[in-house]
Amino acid sequence: MCPSNPYISIGPILAAPGIRAALRAAPARILAVSPIVGGEALKGPAAAMMRQLGQEASAETVARLYHDFLDIFVLDHRDERLIEPLQALGLEVHAVETVMAGPASRVALAGSLLRMLA
């Protein structure tokens, strides 16, 4: 799952009948990348929406929204302190550089994600 807004991008997809159940039953491992880095969204209103809904703007909040069907959760290395709480949800957690500043960092992140799924 891409690092998109969990409320206005991913949420409507997950709310469609049968989607969440299909993800839970999927034979493939499912990986999500957090759109929140250091308490802020890299782009868009996700962090502000979390705060407005009375939630902490964090990668942990995102993981809790998806943990029932995820196998792997990827957060930015700036949020390494969240690894243990997320592992307690039963997730495999990786902290890497998720901020993509250019083509080289995009390729590096894609390679890391593919290795996690292998």
PDB file of N, CA and C in Angstrom:
ATOM      1  N   MET A   1       0.856  -1.163   0.000  1.00  0.00           N
ATOM      2  CA  MET A   1       0.000   0.000   0.000  1.00  0.00           C
ATOM      3  C   MET A   1       0.895   1.216   0.000  1.00  0.00           C
ATOM      4  N   CYS A   2       0.557   2.106  -0.875  1.00  0.00           N
ATOM      5  CA  CYS A   2       1.377   3.302  -1.030  1.00  0.00           C
ATOM      6  C   CYS A   2       1.201   4.249   0.160  1.00  0.00           C
ATOM      7  N   PRO A   3       2.130   5.170   0.299  1.00  0.00           N
ATOM      8  CA  PRO A   3       2.032   6.128   1.411  1.00  0.00           C
ATOM      9  C   PRO A   3       1.031   7.241   1.098  1.00  0.00           C
ATOM     10  N   SER A   4      -0.235   6.871   1.026  1.00  0.00           N
ATOM     11  CA  SER A   4      -1.302   7.825   0.733  1.00  0.00           C
ATOM     12  C   SER A   4      -2.113   8.121   1.984  1.00  0.00           C
ATOM     13  N   ASN A   5      -2.920   9.152   1.899  1.00  0.00           N
ATOM     14  CA  ASN A   5      -3.773   9.552   3.004  1.00  0.00           C
ATOM     15  C   ASN A   5      -4.694   8.394   3.391  1.00  0.00           C
ATOM     16  N   PRO A   6      -4.622   7.948   4.646  1.00  0.00           N
ATOM     17  CA  PRO A   6      -5.430   6.806   5.052  1.00  0.00           C
ATOM     18  C   PRO A   6      -6.928   7.092   5.123  1.00  0.00           C
ATOM     19  N   TYR A   7      -7.312   8.357   5.135  1.00  0.00           N
ATOM     20  CA  TYR A   7      -8.723   8.709   5.255  1.00  0.00           C
ATOM     21  C   TYR A   7      -9.390   8.989   3.913  1.00  0.00           C
ATOM     22  N   ILE A   8      -8.719   9.748   3.071  1.00  0.00           N
ATOM     23  CA  ILE A   8      -9.390  10.148   1.819  1.00  0.00           C
ATOM     24  C   ILE A   8      -8.896   9.392   0.590  1.00  0.00           C
ATOM     25  N   SER A   9      -7.818   8.653   0.712  1.00  0.00           N
ATOM     26  CA  SER A   9      -7.328   7.863  -0.423  1.00  0.00           C
ATOM     27  C   SER A   9      -7.526   6.369  -0.187  1.00  0.00           C
ATOM     28  N   ILE A  10      -6.983   5.851   0.885  1.00  0.00           N
ATOM     29  CA  ILE A  10      -7.040   4.418   1.161  1.00  0.00           C
ATOM     30  C   ILE A  10      -8.355   4.024   1.837  1.00  0.00           C
ATOM     31  N   GLY A  11      -8.835   4.849   2.746  1.00  0.00           N
ATOM     32  CA  GLY A  11     -10.054   4.543   3.497  1.00  0.00           C
ATOM     33  C   GLY A  11     -11.259   4.194   2.641  1.00  0.00           C
ATOM     34  N   PRO A  12     -11.566   4.982   1.613  1.00  0.00           N
ATOM     35  CA  PRO A  12     -12.719   4.636   0.771  1.00  0.00           C
ATOM     36  C   PRO A  12     -12.570   3.285   0.064  1.00  0.00           C
ATOM     37  N   ILE A  13     -11.364   2.936  -0.311  1.00  0.00           N
ATOM     38  CA  ILE A  13     -11.131   1.634  -0.937  1.00  0.00           C
ATOM     39  C   ILE A  13     -11.397   0.523   0.072  1.00  0.00           C
ATOM     40  N   LEU A  14     -10.866   0.693   1.290  1.00  0.00           N
ATOM     41  CA  LEU A  14     -11.050  -0.326   2.323  1.00  0.00           C
ATOM     42  C   LEU A  14     -12.502  -0.433   2.777  1.00  0.00           C
ATOM     43  N   ALA A  15     -13.268   0.633   2.599  1.00  0.00           N
ATOM     44  CA  ALA A  15     -14.679   0.625   2.999  1.00  0.00           C
ATOM     45  C   ALA A  15     -15.569  -0.089   1.987  1.00  0.00           C
ATOM     46  N   ALA A  16     -15.071  -0.311   0.799  1.00  0.00           N
ATOM     47  CA  ALA A  16     -15.863  -1.022  -0.211  1.00  0.00           C
ATOM     48  C   ALA A  16     -16.118  -2.446   0.278  1.00  0.00           C
ATOM     49  N   PRO A  17     -17.341  -2.929   0.112  1.00  0.00           N
ATOM     50  CA  PRO A  17     -17.668  -4.277   0.600  1.00  0.00           C
ATOM     51  C   PRO A  17     -16.696  -5.344   0.083  1.00  0.00           C
ATOM     52  N   GLY A  18     -16.176  -6.121   1.020  1.00  0.00           N
ATOM     53  CA  GLY A  18     -15.328  -7.254   0.685  1.00  0.00           C
ATOM     54  C   GLY A  18     -13.845  -6.969   0.556  1.00  0.00           C
ATOM     55  N   ILE A  19     -13.457  -5.708   0.457  1.00  0.00           N
ATOM     56  CA  ILE A  19     -12.034  -5.398   0.233  1.00  0.00           C
ATOM     57  C   ILE A  19     -11.182  -5.786   1.433  1.00  0.00           C
ATOM     58  N   ARG A  20     -11.561  -5.341   2.607  1.00  0.00           N
ATOM     59  CA  ARG A  20     -10.754  -5.638   3.797  1.00  0.00           C
ATOM     60  C   ARG A  20     -10.683  -7.152   4.025  1.00  0.00           C
ATOM     61  N   ALA A  21     -11.789  -7.839   3.862  1.00  0.00           N
ATOM     62  CA  ALA A  21     -11.796  -9.302   4.034  1.00  0.00           C
ATOM     63  C   ALA A  21     -10.906  -9.970   2.996  1.00  0.00           C
ATOM     64  N   ALA A  22     -10.934  -9.471   1.763  1.00  0.00           N
ATOM     65  CA  ALA A  22     -10.077 -10.036   0.718  1.00  0.00           C
ATOM     66  C   ALA A  22      -8.603  -9.822   1.050  1.00  0.00           C
ATOM     67  N   LEU A  23      -8.273  -8.671   1.590  1.00  0.00           N
ATOM     68  CA  LEU A  23      -6.887  -8.413   1.983  1.00  0.00           C
ATOM     69  C   LEU A  23      -6.470  -9.341   3.122  1.00  0.00           C
ATOM     70  N   ARG A  24      -7.363  -9.554   4.081  1.00  0.00           N
ATOM     71  CA  ARG A  24      -7.045 -10.464   5.187  1.00  0.00           C
ATOM     72  C   ARG A  24      -6.797 -11.880   4.683  1.00  0.00           C
ATOM     73  N   ALA A  25      -7.508 -12.270   3.653  1.00  0.00           N
ATOM     74  CA  ALA A  25      -7.402 -13.632   3.123  1.00  0.00           C
ATOM     75  C   ALA A  25      -6.346 -13.786   2.033  1.00  0.00           C
ATOM     76  N   ALA A  26      -5.744 -12.708   1.616  1.00  0.00           N
ATOM     77  CA  ALA A  26      -4.783 -12.750   0.509  1.00  0.00           C
ATOM     78  C   ALA A  26      -3.590 -13.641   0.843  1.00  0.00           C
ATOM     79  N   PRO A  27      -3.181 -14.484  -0.104  1.00  0.00           N
ATOM     80  CA  PRO A  27      -2.021 -15.345   0.148  1.00  0.00           C
ATOM     81  C   PRO A  27      -0.693 -14.583   0.091  1.00  0.00           C
ATOM     82  N   ALA A  28      -0.686 -13.464  -0.602  1.00  0.00           N
ATOM     83  CA  ALA A  28       0.535 -12.659  -0.717  1.00  0.00           C
ATOM     84  C   ALA A  28       0.746 -11.833   0.545  1.00  0.00           C
ATOM     85  N   ARG A  29       2.007 -11.553   0.824  1.00  0.00           N
ATOM     86  CA  ARG A  29       2.303 -10.656   1.943  1.00  0.00           C
ATOM     87  C   ARG A  29       1.922  -9.237   1.545  1.00  0.00           C
ATOM     88  N   ILE A  30       1.370  -8.492   2.494  1.00  0.00           N
ATOM     89  CA  ILE A  30       0.925  -7.129   2.219  1.00  0.00           C
ATOM     90  C   ILE A  30       1.784  -6.157   3.010  1.00  0.00           C
ATOM     91  N   LEU A  31       2.283  -5.160   2.315  1.00  0.00           N
ATOM     92  CA  LEU A  31       3.190  -4.172   2.869  1.00  0.00           C
ATOM     93  C   LEU A  31       2.573  -2.794   2.701  1.00  0.00           C
ATOM     94  N   ALA A  32       2.738  -1.946   3.702  1.00  0.00           N
ATOM     95  CA  ALA A  32       2.297  -0.556   3.617  1.00  0.00           C
ATOM     96  C   ALA A  32       3.447   0.351   4.019  1.00  0.00           C
ATOM     97  N   VAL A  33       3.514   1.501   3.368  1.00  0.00           N
ATOM     98  CA  VAL A  33       4.506   2.522   3.689  1.00  0.00           C
ATOM     99  C   VAL A  33       3.768   3.698   4.323  1.00  0.00           C
ATOM    100  N   SER A  34       4.239   4.143   5.464  1.00  0.00           N
ATOM    101  CA  SER A  34       3.577   5.237   6.166  1.00  0.00           C
ATOM    102  C   SER A  34       3.708   6.559   5.412  1.00  0.00           C
ATOM    103  N   PRO A  35       2.605   7.311   5.320  1.00  0.00           N
ATOM    104  CA  PRO A  35       2.669   8.643   4.728  1.00  0.00           C
ATOM    105  C   PRO A  35       3.040   9.716   5.752  1.00  0.00           C
ATOM    106  N   ILE A  36       3.210   9.303   6.996  1.00  0.00           N
ATOM    107  CA  ILE A  36       3.538  10.242   8.074  1.00  0.00           C
ATOM    108  C   ILE A  36       4.992  10.034   8.477  1.00  0.00           C
ATOM    109  N   VAL A  37       5.734  11.115   8.494  1.00  0.00           N
ATOM    110  CA  VAL A  37       7.151  11.084   8.878  1.00  0.00           C
ATOM    111  C   VAL A  37       7.363  12.139   9.956  1.00  0.00           C
ATOM    112  N   GLY A  38       7.806  11.692  11.120  1.00  0.00           N
ATOM    113  CA  GLY A  38       8.064  12.639  12.200  1.00  0.00           C
ATOM    114  C   GLY A  38       6.848  13.452  12.599  1.00  0.00           C
ATOM    115  N   GLY A  39       5.669  12.858  12.520  1.00  0.00           N
ATOM    116  CA  GLY A  39       4.453  13.535  12.936  1.00  0.00           C
ATOM    117  C   GLY A  39       3.822  14.434  11.897  1.00  0.00           C
ATOM    118  N   GLU A  40       4.371  14.437  10.698  1.00  0.00           N
ATOM    119  CA  GLU A  40       3.837  15.293   9.634  1.00  0.00           C
ATOM    120  C   GLU A  40       3.649  14.491   8.351  1.00  0.00           C
ATOM    121  N   ALA A  41       2.669  14.884   7.575  1.00  0.00           N
ATOM    122  CA  ALA A  41       2.476  14.284   6.256  1.00  0.00           C
ATOM    123  C   ALA A  41       3.483  14.918   5.303  1.00  0.00           C
ATOM    124  N   LEU A  42       4.049  14.108   4.449  1.00  0.00           N
ATOM    125  CA  LEU A  42       4.984  14.654   3.473  1.00  0.00           C
ATOM    126  C   LEU A  42       4.253  15.537   2.463  1.00  0.00           C
ATOM    127  N   LYS A  43       2.986  15.207   2.241  1.00  0.00           N
ATOM    128  CA  LYS A  43       2.181  15.954   1.282  1.00  0.00           C
ATOM    129  C   LYS A  43       0.718  15.776   1.677  1.00  0.00           C
ATOM    130  N   GLY A  44      -0.044  16.824   1.588  1.00  0.00           N
ATOM    131  CA  GLY A  44      -1.469  16.717   1.829  1.00  0.00           C
ATOM    132  C   GLY A  44      -1.880  16.854   3.284  1.00  0.00           C
ATOM    133  N   PRO A  45      -3.177  16.624   3.545  1.00  0.00           N
ATOM    134  CA  PRO A  45      -3.759  16.927   4.848  1.00  0.00           C
ATOM    135  C   PRO A  45      -3.819  15.776   5.862  1.00  0.00           C
ATOM    136  N   ALA A  46      -3.154  14.668   5.623  1.00  0.00           N
ATOM    137  CA  ALA A  46      -3.317  13.497   6.500  1.00  0.00           C
ATOM    138  C   ALA A  46      -3.023  13.807   7.970  1.00  0.00           C
ATOM    139  N   ALA A  47      -1.922  14.453   8.260  1.00  0.00           N
ATOM    140  CA  ALA A  47      -1.562  14.732   9.656  1.00  0.00           C
ATOM    141  C   ALA A  47      -2.582  15.666  10.295  1.00  0.00           C
ATOM    142  N   ALA A  48      -2.988  16.693   9.577  1.00  0.00           N
ATOM    143  CA  ALA A  48      -3.996  17.620  10.111  1.00  0.00           C
ATOM    144  C   ALA A  48      -5.312  16.899  10.357  1.00  0.00           C
ATOM    145  N   MET A  49      -5.688  16.004   9.456  1.00  0.00           N
ATOM    146  CA  MET A  49      -6.923  15.247   9.633  1.00  0.00           C
ATOM    147  C   MET A  49      -6.849  14.357  10.869  1.00  0.00           C
ATOM    148  N   MET A  50      -5.703  13.721  11.091  1.00  0.00           N
ATOM    149  CA  MET A  50      -5.540  12.876  12.271  1.00  0.00           C
ATOM    150  C   MET A  50      -5.754  13.691  13.539  1.00  0.00           C
ATOM    151  N   ARG A  51      -5.115  14.849  13.586  1.00  0.00           N
ATOM    152  CA  ARG A  51      -5.249  15.700  14.772  1.00  0.00           C
ATOM    153  C   ARG A  51      -6.689  16.177  14.935  1.00  0.00           C
ATOM    154  N   GLN A  52      -7.340  16.543  13.847  1.00  0.00           N
ATOM    155  CA  GLN A  52      -8.731  16.996  13.923  1.00  0.00           C
ATOM    156  C   GLN A  52      -9.660  15.887  14.397  1.00  0.00           C
ATOM    157  N   LEU A  53      -9.298  14.637  14.131  1.00  0.00           N
ATOM    158  CA  LEU A  53     -10.091  13.489  14.574  1.00  0.00           C
ATOM    159  C   LEU A  53      -9.702  13.017  15.977  1.00  0.00           C
ATOM    160  N   GLY A  54      -8.812  13.781  16.614  1.00  0.00           N
ATOM    161  CA  GLY A  54      -8.401  13.452  17.974  1.00  0.00           C
ATOM    162  C   GLY A  54      -7.376  12.343  18.059  1.00  0.00           C
ATOM    163  N   GLN A  55      -6.699  12.077  16.955  1.00  0.00           N
ATOM    164  CA  GLN A  55      -5.682  11.037  16.928  1.00  0.00           C
ATOM    165  C   GLN A  55      -4.296  11.666  16.827  1.00  0.00           C
ATOM    166  N   GLU A  56      -3.313  10.930  17.243  1.00  0.00           N
ATOM    167  CA  GLU A  56      -1.935  11.374  17.101  1.00  0.00           C
ATOM    168  C   GLU A  56      -1.536  11.277  15.631  1.00  0.00           C
ATOM    169  N   ALA A  57      -0.904  12.303  15.128  1.00  0.00           N
ATOM    170  CA  ALA A  57      -0.394  12.266  13.751  1.00  0.00           C
ATOM    171  C   ALA A  57       0.918  11.496  13.784  1.00  0.00           C
ATOM    172  N   SER A  58       0.828  10.198  13.483  1.00  0.00           N
ATOM    173  CA  SER A  58       2.020   9.370  13.554  1.00  0.00           C
ATOM    174  C   SER A  58       1.886   8.152  12.654  1.00  0.00           C
ATOM    175  N   ALA A  59       3.025   7.555  12.385  1.00  0.00           N
ATOM    176  CA  ALA A  59       3.041   6.301  11.629  1.00  0.00           C
ATOM    177  C   ALA A  59       2.295   5.221  12.403  1.00  0.00           C
ATOM    178  N   GLU A  60       2.342   5.268  13.722  1.00  0.00           N
ATOM    179  CA  GLU A  60       1.631   4.267  14.520  1.00  0.00           C
ATOM    180  C   GLU A  60       0.124   4.346  14.281  1.00  0.00           C
ATOM    181  N   THR A  61      -0.419   5.546  14.173  1.00  0.00           N
ATOM    182  CA  THR A  61      -1.850   5.693  13.892  1.00  0.00           C
ATOM    183  C   THR A  61      -2.192   5.046  12.553  1.00  0.00           C
ATOM    184  N   VAL A  62      -1.350   5.253  11.567  1.00  0.00           N
ATOM    185  CA  VAL A  62      -1.577   4.646  10.248  1.00  0.00           C
ATOM    186  C   VAL A  62      -1.547   3.126  10.362  1.00  0.00           C
ATOM    187  N   ALA A  63      -0.547   2.599  11.034  1.00  0.00           N
ATOM    188  CA  ALA A  63      -0.424   1.143  11.176  1.00  0.00           C
ATOM    189  C   ALA A  63      -1.636   0.547  11.874  1.00  0.00           C
ATOM    190  N   ARG A  64      -2.161   1.221  12.857  1.00  0.00           N
ATOM    191  CA  ARG A  64      -3.332   0.713  13.571  1.00  0.00           C
ATOM    192  C   ARG A  64      -4.565   0.670  12.666  1.00  0.00           C
ATOM    193  N   LEU A  65      -4.635   1.557  11.686  1.00  0.00           N
ATOM    194  CA  LEU A  65      -5.761   1.541  10.747  1.00  0.00           C
ATOM    195  C   LEU A  65      -5.725   0.335   9.825  1.00  0.00           C
ATOM    196  N   TYR A  66      -4.534  -0.210   9.586  1.00  0.00           N
ATOM    197  CA  TYR A  66      -4.356  -1.284   8.612  1.00  0.00           C
ATOM    198  C   TYR A  66      -3.899  -2.612   9.213  1.00  0.00           C
ATOM    199  N   HIS A  67      -3.577  -2.648  10.484  1.00  0.00           N
ATOM    200  CA  HIS A  67      -2.866  -3.805  11.040  1.00  0.00           C
ATOM    201  C   HIS A  67      -3.606  -5.132  10.898  1.00  0.00           C
ATOM    202  N   ASP A  68      -4.920  -5.105  10.716  1.00  0.00           N
ATOM    203  CA  ASP A  68      -5.651  -6.373  10.633  1.00  0.00           C
ATOM    204  C   ASP A  68      -5.378  -7.147   9.349  1.00  0.00           C
ATOM    205  N   PHE A  69      -4.828  -6.488   8.336  1.00  0.00           N
ATOM    206  CA  PHE A  69      -4.526  -7.206   7.089  1.00  0.00           C
ATOM    207  C   PHE A  69      -3.075  -7.064   6.651  1.00  0.00           C
ATOM    208  N   LEU A  70      -2.297  -6.263   7.340  1.00  0.00           N
ATOM    209  CA  LEU A  70      -0.893  -6.057   6.951  1.00  0.00           C
ATOM    210  C   LEU A  70       0.012  -7.147   7.488  1.00  0.00           C
ATOM    211  N   ASP A  71       1.071  -7.389   6.752  1.00  0.00           N
ATOM    212  CA  ASP A  71       2.156  -8.238   7.223  1.00  0.00           C
ATOM    213  C   ASP A  71       3.372  -7.395   7.578  1.00  0.00           C
ATOM    214  N   ILE A  72       3.631  -6.385   6.743  1.00  0.00           N
ATOM    215  CA  ILE A  72       4.835  -5.559   6.886  1.00  0.00           C
ATOM    216  C   ILE A  72       4.430  -4.097   6.910  1.00  0.00           C
ATOM    217  N   PHE A  73       4.985  -3.354   7.852  1.00  0.00           N
ATOM    218  CA  PHE A  73       4.758  -1.910   7.900  1.00  0.00           C
ATOM    219  C   PHE A  73       6.112  -1.224   7.824  1.00  0.00           C
ATOM    220  N   VAL A  74       6.209  -0.267   6.914  1.00  0.00           N
ATOM    221  CA  VAL A  74       7.458   0.458   6.703  1.00  0.00           C
ATOM    222  C   VAL A  74       7.262   1.904   7.148  1.00  0.00           C
ATOM    223  N   LEU A  75       8.139   2.335   8.012  1.00  0.00           N
ATOM    224  CA  LEU A  75       8.104   3.727   8.457  1.00  0.00           C
ATOM    225  C   LEU A  75       9.455   4.358   8.199  1.00  0.00           C
ATOM    226  N   ASP A  76       9.481   5.650   8.260  1.00  0.00           N
ATOM    227  CA  ASP A  76      10.725   6.362   8.019  1.00  0.00           C
ATOM    228  C   ASP A  76      11.664   6.159   9.209  1.00  0.00           C
ATOM    229  N   HIS A  77      12.947   6.155   8.928  1.00  0.00           N
ATOM    230  CA  HIS A  77      13.942   5.953   9.996  1.00  0.00           C
ATOM    231  C   HIS A  77      13.811   6.988  11.105  1.00  0.00           C
ATOM    232  N   ARG A  78      13.227   8.149  10.822  1.00  0.00           N
ATOM    233  CA  ARG A  78      13.032   9.172  11.858  1.00  0.00           C
ATOM    234  C   ARG A  78      12.038   8.712  12.923  1.00  0.00           C
ATOM    235  N   ASP A  79      11.250   7.698  12.606  1.00  0.00           N
ATOM    236  CA  ASP A  79      10.232   7.193  13.522  1.00  0.00           C
ATOM    237  C   ASP A  79      10.590   5.828  14.111  1.00  0.00           C
ATOM    238  N   GLU A  80      11.868   5.510  14.170  1.00  0.00           N
ATOM    239  CA  GLU A  80      12.316   4.210  14.685  1.00  0.00           C
ATOM    240  C   GLU A  80      11.783   3.895  16.073  1.00  0.00           C
ATOM    241  N   ARG A  81      11.520   4.913  16.869  1.00  0.00           N
ATOM    242  CA  ARG A  81      11.020   4.701  18.231  1.00  0.00           C
ATOM    243  C   ARG A  81       9.692   3.955  18.250  1.00  0.00           C
ATOM    244  N   LEU A  82       9.015   3.912  17.101  1.00  0.00           N
ATOM    245  CA  LEU A  82       7.710   3.250  17.017  1.00  0.00           C
ATOM    246  C   LEU A  82       7.797   1.762  16.655  1.00  0.00           C
ATOM    247  N   ILE A  83       8.993   1.271  16.419  1.00  0.00           N
ATOM    248  CA  ILE A  83       9.131  -0.122  15.980  1.00  0.00           C
ATOM    249  C   ILE A  83       8.520  -1.089  16.991  1.00  0.00           C
ATOM    250  N   GLU A  84       8.888  -0.995  18.247  1.00  0.00           N
ATOM    251  CA  GLU A  84       8.392  -1.953  19.245  1.00  0.00           C
ATOM    252  C   GLU A  84       6.879  -1.900  19.413  1.00  0.00           C
ATOM    253  N   PRO A  85       6.260  -0.718  19.535  1.00  0.00           N
ATOM    254  CA  PRO A  85       4.795  -0.698  19.649  1.00  0.00           C
ATOM    255  C   PRO A  85       4.104  -1.321  18.432  1.00  0.00           C
ATOM    256  N   LEU A  86       4.686  -1.150  17.263  1.00  0.00           N
ATOM    257  CA  LEU A  86       4.080  -1.711  16.055  1.00  0.00           C
ATOM    258  C   LEU A  86       4.311  -3.218  15.973  1.00  0.00           C
ATOM    259  N   GLN A  87       5.444  -3.671  16.440  1.00  0.00           N
ATOM    260  CA  GLN A  87       5.679  -5.116  16.489  1.00  0.00           C
ATOM    261  C   GLN A  87       4.694  -5.785  17.442  1.00  0.00           C
ATOM    262  N   ALA A  88       4.282  -5.065  18.480  1.00  0.00           N
ATOM    263  CA  ALA A  88       3.299  -5.605  19.426  1.00  0.00           C
ATOM    264  C   ALA A  88       1.949  -5.847  18.754  1.00  0.00           C
ATOM    265  N   LEU A  89       1.709  -5.202  17.604  1.00  0.00           N
ATOM    266  CA  LEU A  89       0.479  -5.430  16.835  1.00  0.00           C
ATOM    267  C   LEU A  89       0.595  -6.680  15.962  1.00  0.00           C
ATOM    268  N   GLY A  90       1.769  -7.303  15.980  1.00  0.00           N
ATOM    269  CA  GLY A  90       1.991  -8.496  15.172  1.00  0.00           C
ATOM    270  C   GLY A  90       2.550  -8.191  13.794  1.00  0.00           C
ATOM    271  N   LEU A  91       3.045  -6.988  13.605  1.00  0.00           N
ATOM    272  CA  LEU A  91       3.584  -6.583  12.309  1.00  0.00           C
ATOM    273  C   LEU A  91       5.097  -6.763  12.242  1.00  0.00           C
ATOM    274  N   GLU A  92       5.571  -7.089  11.067  1.00  0.00           N
ATOM    275  CA  GLU A  92       6.995  -6.993  10.768  1.00  0.00           C
ATOM    276  C   GLU A  92       7.212  -5.525  10.436  1.00  0.00           C
ATOM    277  N   VAL A  93       8.143  -4.876  11.103  1.00  0.00           N
ATOM    278  CA  VAL A  93       8.323  -3.431  10.940  1.00  0.00           C
ATOM    279  C   VAL A  93       9.742  -3.131  10.481  1.00  0.00           C
ATOM    280  N   HIS A  94       9.850  -2.237   9.502  1.00  0.00           N
ATOM    281  CA  HIS A  94      11.152  -1.800   8.997  1.00  0.00           C
ATOM    282  C   HIS A  94      11.198  -0.281   9.010  1.00  0.00           C
ATOM    283  N   ALA A  95      12.334   0.249   9.421  1.00  0.00           N
ATOM    284  CA  ALA A  95      12.557   1.691   9.382  1.00  0.00           C
ATOM    285  C   ALA A  95      13.635   1.962   8.336  1.00  0.00           C
ATOM    286  N   VAL A  96      13.269   2.713   7.315  1.00  0.00           N
ATOM    287  CA  VAL A  96      14.183   3.053   6.226  1.00  0.00           C
ATOM    288  C   VAL A  96      13.959   4.516   5.845  1.00  0.00           C
ATOM    289  N   GLU A  97      14.767   4.994   4.943  1.00  0.00           N
ATOM    290  CA  GLU A  97      14.551   6.340   4.397  1.00  0.00           C
ATOM    291  C   GLU A  97      13.371   6.248   3.431  1.00  0.00           C
ATOM    292  N   THR A  98      12.253   6.867   3.779  1.00  0.00           N
ATOM    293  CA  THR A  98      11.080   6.822   2.910  1.00  0.00           C
ATOM    294  C   THR A  98      10.851   8.111   2.139  1.00  0.00           C
ATOM    295  N   VAL A  99      11.596   9.151   2.474  1.00  0.00           N
ATOM    296  CA  VAL A  99      11.446  10.422   1.767  1.00  0.00           C
ATOM    297  C   VAL A  99      12.195  10.329   0.442  1.00  0.00           C
ATOM    298  N   MET A 100      11.455  10.463  -0.633  1.00  0.00           N
ATOM    299  CA  MET A 100      12.030  10.304  -1.969  1.00  0.00           C
ATOM    300  C   MET A 100      12.308  11.689  -2.565  1.00  0.00           C
ATOM    301  N   ALA A 101      13.577  12.058  -2.562  1.00  0.00           N
ATOM    302  CA  ALA A 101      13.965  13.389  -3.015  1.00  0.00           C
ATOM    303  C   ALA A 101      14.313  13.429  -4.500  1.00  0.00           C
ATOM    304  N   GLY A 102      14.409  12.303  -5.129  1.00  0.00           N
ATOM    305  CA  GLY A 102      14.780  12.259  -6.541  1.00  0.00           C
ATOM    306  C   GLY A 102      14.785  10.837  -7.034  1.00  0.00           C
ATOM    307  N   PRO A 103      15.164  10.640  -8.287  1.00  0.00           N
ATOM    308  CA  PRO A 103      15.140   9.297  -8.875  1.00  0.00           C
ATOM    309  C   PRO A 103      15.958   8.265  -8.100  1.00  0.00           C
ATOM    310  N   ALA A 104      17.124   8.622  -7.633  1.00  0.00           N
ATOM    311  CA  ALA A 104      17.976   7.654  -6.925  1.00  0.00           C
ATOM    312  C   ALA A 104      17.308   7.178  -5.634  1.00  0.00           C
ATOM    313  N   SER A 105      16.690   8.093  -4.906  1.00  0.00           N
ATOM    314  CA  SER A 105      16.039   7.683  -3.656  1.00  0.00           C
ATOM    315  C   SER A 105      14.767   6.880  -3.936  1.00  0.00           C
ATOM    316  N   ARG A 106      14.110   7.141  -5.038  1.00  0.00           N
ATOM    317  CA  ARG A 106      12.929   6.345  -5.421  1.00  0.00           C
ATOM    318  C   ARG A 106      13.341   4.907  -5.734  1.00  0.00           C
ATOM    319  N   VAL A 107      14.426   4.758  -6.472  1.00  0.00           N
ATOM    320  CA  VAL A 107      14.929   3.426  -6.820  1.00  0.00           C
ATOM    321  C   VAL A 107      15.391   2.695  -5.556  1.00  0.00           C
ATOM    322  N   ALA A 108      16.067   3.407  -4.667  1.00  0.00           N
ATOM    323  CA  ALA A 108      16.550   2.789  -3.429  1.00  0.00           C
ATOM    324  C   ALA A 108      15.386   2.301  -2.575  1.00  0.00           C
ATOM    325  N   LEU A 109      14.343   3.121  -2.429  1.00  0.00           N
ATOM    326  CA  LEU A 109      13.193   2.706  -1.634  1.00  0.00           C
ATOM    327  C   LEU A 109      12.487   1.523  -2.284  1.00  0.00           C
ATOM    328  N   ALA A 110      12.286   1.579  -3.580  1.00  0.00           N
ATOM    329  CA  ALA A 110      11.627   0.468  -4.284  1.00  0.00           C
ATOM    330  C   ALA A 110      12.417  -0.831  -4.090  1.00  0.00           C
ATOM    331  N   GLY A 111      13.725  -0.762  -4.180  1.00  0.00           N
ATOM    332  CA  GLY A 111      14.553  -1.945  -3.975  1.00  0.00           C
ATOM    333  C   GLY A 111      14.414  -2.492  -2.565  1.00  0.00           C
ATOM    334  N   SER A 112      14.404  -1.587  -1.582  1.00  0.00           N
ATOM    335  CA  SER A 112      14.241  -2.020  -0.190  1.00  0.00           C
ATOM    336  C   SER A 112      12.908  -2.711   0.026  1.00  0.00           C
ATOM    337  N   LEU A 113      11.842  -2.149  -0.545  1.00  0.00           N
ATOM    338  CA  LEU A 113      10.514  -2.727  -0.373  1.00  0.00           C
ATOM    339  C   LEU A 113      10.418  -4.101  -1.032  1.00  0.00           C
ATOM    340  N   LEU A 114      10.995  -4.229  -2.215  1.00  0.00           N
ATOM    341  CA  LEU A 114      10.980  -5.528  -2.888  1.00  0.00           C
ATOM    342  C   LEU A 114      11.733  -6.591  -2.097  1.00  0.00           C
ATOM    343  N   ARG A 115      12.861  -6.208  -1.502  1.00  0.00           N
ATOM    344  CA  ARG A 115      13.615  -7.158  -0.682  1.00  0.00           C
ATOM    345  C   ARG A 115      12.817  -7.578   0.562  1.00  0.00           C
ATOM    346  N   MET A 116      12.051  -6.660   1.138  1.00  0.00           N
ATOM    347  CA  MET A 116      11.229  -6.991   2.295  1.00  0.00           C
ATOM    348  C   MET A 116      10.155  -8.020   1.947  1.00  0.00           C
ATOM    349  N   LEU A 117       9.662  -7.949   0.733  1.00  0.00           N
ATOM    350  CA  LEU A 117       8.596  -8.854   0.290  1.00  0.00           C
ATOM    351  C   LEU A 117       9.118 -10.204  -0.185  1.00  0.00           C
ATOM    352  N   ALA A 118      10.420 -10.278  -0.428  1.00  0.00           N
ATOM    353  CA  ALA A 118      11.010 -11.531  -0.961  1.00  0.00           C
ATOM    354  C   ALA A 118      11.057 -12.623   0.082  1.00  0.00           C
TER     355      ALA A 118
END
